[in-house]
Amino acid sequence: MRTKTKRFGRLGSVAMVVVLVGAGACASSGASGSSGTSGALITGEQLVATNQSDLFQALQTLRPQWLRPRGAASLSGPTEVMLFVNEAPYGTVNDLSGIPITAVQDVRFLNASEAGSRYGTAAGAGGLLLVRTRS
C-alpha cells in the first residue's frame, strides 16, 4: 500500500508540473486576443498622458520596441518599421516626429506577418505602425 502511495505521489507531482507549465504557456502567449496583438494598441489618451510634444517622443516613452528596426532582411541592413497614417503609406518611424499627439486617435503595431497579410509588400518586413488621426 505504501508503495502505491509513493508511485501516485510521484505521478501526481509530474502531472502538477505539466499542468503548471501548460498554464504558463497559455498565459504568456497573449491569448486575450485572437491575433496575438495584446498590448499592440495605444490610445490617444495614453499618448497625451505622456506629456510629450510629438508622436515619436510619446512612443519612445510608451513602447520603444515598436520603433526599433527588425533583423537583417537583406544585405543592405535591417528592415525598418513602416508608418501608415489612416490606412495610407506615410513613411518610416523617422516621420513620427512631425505628428502632434493631440491629432492622434490611436496607434497600433502590426508585426511583419500581420502587416504583410493586411497591406502586402507595401508594409515591408519590419512591421508597421498604423496611426489613426482624429477626424
Protein backbone atom coordinates (compact mmCIF):
# COMPACT_ATOMS: atom_id res chain seq x y z
CA MET A 1 0.00 0.00 0.00
CA ARG A 2 2.76 2.37 0.86
CA THR A 3 4.47 1.63 -2.48
CA LYS A 4 1.32 2.60 -4.40
CA THR A 5 1.07 5.85 -2.47
CA LYS A 6 4.65 6.75 -3.38
CA ARG A 7 4.04 5.94 -7.05
CA PHE A 8 0.90 8.02 -7.20
CA GLY A 9 2.67 10.77 -5.29
CA ARG A 10 5.37 10.93 -7.94
CA LEU A 11 2.85 10.79 -10.77
CA GLY A 12 0.82 13.48 -9.07
CA SER A 13 3.90 15.71 -8.89
CA VAL A 14 4.69 15.12 -12.56
CA ALA A 15 1.08 15.83 -13.51
CA MET A 16 1.14 19.04 -11.46
CA VAL A 17 4.31 20.22 -13.24
CA VAL A 18 2.74 19.50 -16.64
CA VAL A 19 -0.41 21.42 -15.67
CA LEU A 20 1.59 24.40 -14.39
CA VAL A 21 3.86 24.52 -17.44
CA GLY A 22 0.83 24.34 -19.74
CA ALA A 23 -0.94 27.12 -17.86
CA GLY A 24 2.16 29.31 -18.04
CA ALA A 25 2.45 28.80 -21.79
CA CYS A 26 -1.15 29.87 -22.30
CA ALA A 27 -0.72 32.94 -20.12
CA SER A 28 2.44 34.07 -21.91
CA SER A 29 1.10 33.61 -25.42
CA GLY A 30 -1.21 36.61 -25.18
CA ALA A 31 -4.33 34.51 -25.52
CA SER A 32 -6.52 37.51 -24.79
CA GLY A 33 -6.71 38.42 -28.49
CA SER A 34 -7.26 36.18 -31.47
CA SER A 35 -4.40 37.70 -33.48
CA GLY A 36 -1.90 37.82 -30.62
CA THR A 37 -1.79 41.63 -30.65
CA SER A 38 -2.49 42.11 -26.96
CA GLY A 39 -0.83 45.36 -25.94
CA ALA A 40 -0.41 46.42 -29.58
CA LEU A 41 -2.73 49.44 -29.29
CA ILE A 42 -2.10 52.81 -27.68
CA THR A 43 -4.99 55.24 -27.37
CA GLY A 44 -4.82 58.98 -27.88
CA GLU A 45 -5.46 59.49 -24.17
CA GLN A 46 -2.44 57.36 -23.29
CA LEU A 47 -0.32 59.39 -25.71
CA VAL A 48 -1.46 62.72 -24.24
CA ALA A 49 -0.74 61.42 -20.72
CA THR A 50 2.97 61.15 -21.63
CA ASN A 51 3.18 64.97 -21.83
CA GLN A 52 5.35 64.66 -24.94
CA SER A 53 5.02 67.05 -27.87
CA ASP A 54 5.11 64.63 -30.80
CA LEU A 55 4.25 61.04 -31.59
CA PHE A 56 7.86 59.85 -31.82
CA GLN A 57 8.65 61.02 -28.28
CA ALA A 58 5.42 59.57 -26.90
CA LEU A 59 6.08 56.16 -28.47
CA GLN A 60 9.68 56.30 -27.28
CA THR A 61 8.26 56.68 -23.76
CA LEU A 62 5.47 54.06 -24.00
CA ARG A 63 6.70 51.39 -26.45
CA PRO A 64 10.30 51.98 -27.57
CA GLN A 65 10.49 48.46 -29.02
CA TRP A 66 7.93 49.48 -31.68
CA LEU A 67 10.45 51.96 -33.12
CA ARG A 68 13.40 49.57 -33.47
CA PRO A 69 14.34 48.05 -36.83
CA ARG A 70 13.91 44.30 -37.02
CA GLY A 71 16.53 41.76 -38.13
CA ALA A 72 18.50 41.99 -41.33
CA ALA A 73 16.20 41.08 -44.21
CA SER A 74 18.72 41.93 -46.89
CA LEU A 75 22.36 42.71 -47.43
CA SER A 76 21.58 46.42 -47.21
CA GLY A 77 20.82 46.24 -43.49
CA PRO A 78 17.92 45.84 -41.08
CA THR A 79 14.38 46.41 -42.24
CA GLU A 80 12.66 49.49 -40.89
CA VAL A 81 9.28 49.72 -39.25
CA MET A 82 6.93 51.33 -41.77
CA LEU A 83 4.40 54.04 -40.94
CA PHE A 84 0.85 54.20 -42.27
CA VAL A 85 -1.49 57.07 -41.40
CA ASN A 86 -5.21 56.49 -41.88
CA GLU A 87 -4.53 53.30 -43.87
CA ALA A 88 -2.15 55.02 -46.34
CA PRO A 89 1.67 54.70 -46.54
CA TYR A 90 3.32 57.67 -44.83
CA GLY A 91 6.99 56.76 -44.39
CA THR A 92 9.07 55.33 -41.57
CA VAL A 93 9.31 55.91 -37.82
CA ASN A 94 11.50 58.93 -38.54
CA ASP A 95 8.37 60.69 -39.80
CA LEU A 96 6.58 60.30 -36.45
CA SER A 97 8.21 63.45 -35.08
CA GLY A 98 6.07 65.56 -37.42
CA ILE A 99 2.79 64.25 -35.98
CA PRO A 100 1.41 66.06 -32.90
CA ILE A 101 -0.04 63.65 -30.34
CA THR A 102 -3.18 65.75 -29.99
CA ALA A 103 -4.08 64.80 -33.58
CA VAL A 104 -3.84 61.04 -32.93
CA GLN A 105 -6.83 58.85 -32.11
CA ASP A 106 -4.76 55.67 -31.66
CA VAL A 107 -1.64 53.83 -32.78
CA ARG A 108 -1.48 50.11 -33.48
CA PHE A 109 1.60 47.99 -34.06
CA LEU A 110 1.37 45.16 -36.58
CA ASN A 111 4.20 42.65 -36.74
CA ALA A 112 5.63 41.76 -40.16
CA SER A 113 3.27 38.84 -40.66
CA GLU A 114 0.12 40.82 -39.76
CA ALA A 115 1.25 43.82 -41.81
CA GLY A 116 2.06 41.70 -44.85
CA SER A 117 -1.26 39.91 -44.81
CA ARG A 118 -3.14 43.19 -44.46
CA TYR A 119 -1.16 45.54 -46.74
CA GLY A 120 1.04 43.27 -48.85
CA THR A 121 4.58 44.19 -49.80
CA ALA A 122 3.97 47.91 -49.14
CA ALA A 123 4.13 47.09 -45.43
CA GLY A 124 7.72 45.92 -45.61
CA ALA A 125 9.28 43.20 -43.49
CA GLY A 126 9.96 45.17 -40.30
CA GLY A 127 6.44 45.61 -39.03
CA LEU A 128 4.11 48.55 -39.31
CA LEU A 129 2.79 51.36 -37.15
CA LEU A 130 -0.78 52.20 -38.09
CA VAL A 131 -1.77 55.68 -36.91
CA ARG A 132 -5.39 56.81 -36.96
CA THR A 133 -5.92 60.53 -36.64
CA ARG A 134 -8.91 62.31 -35.15
CA SER A 135 -11.49 63.40 -37.71
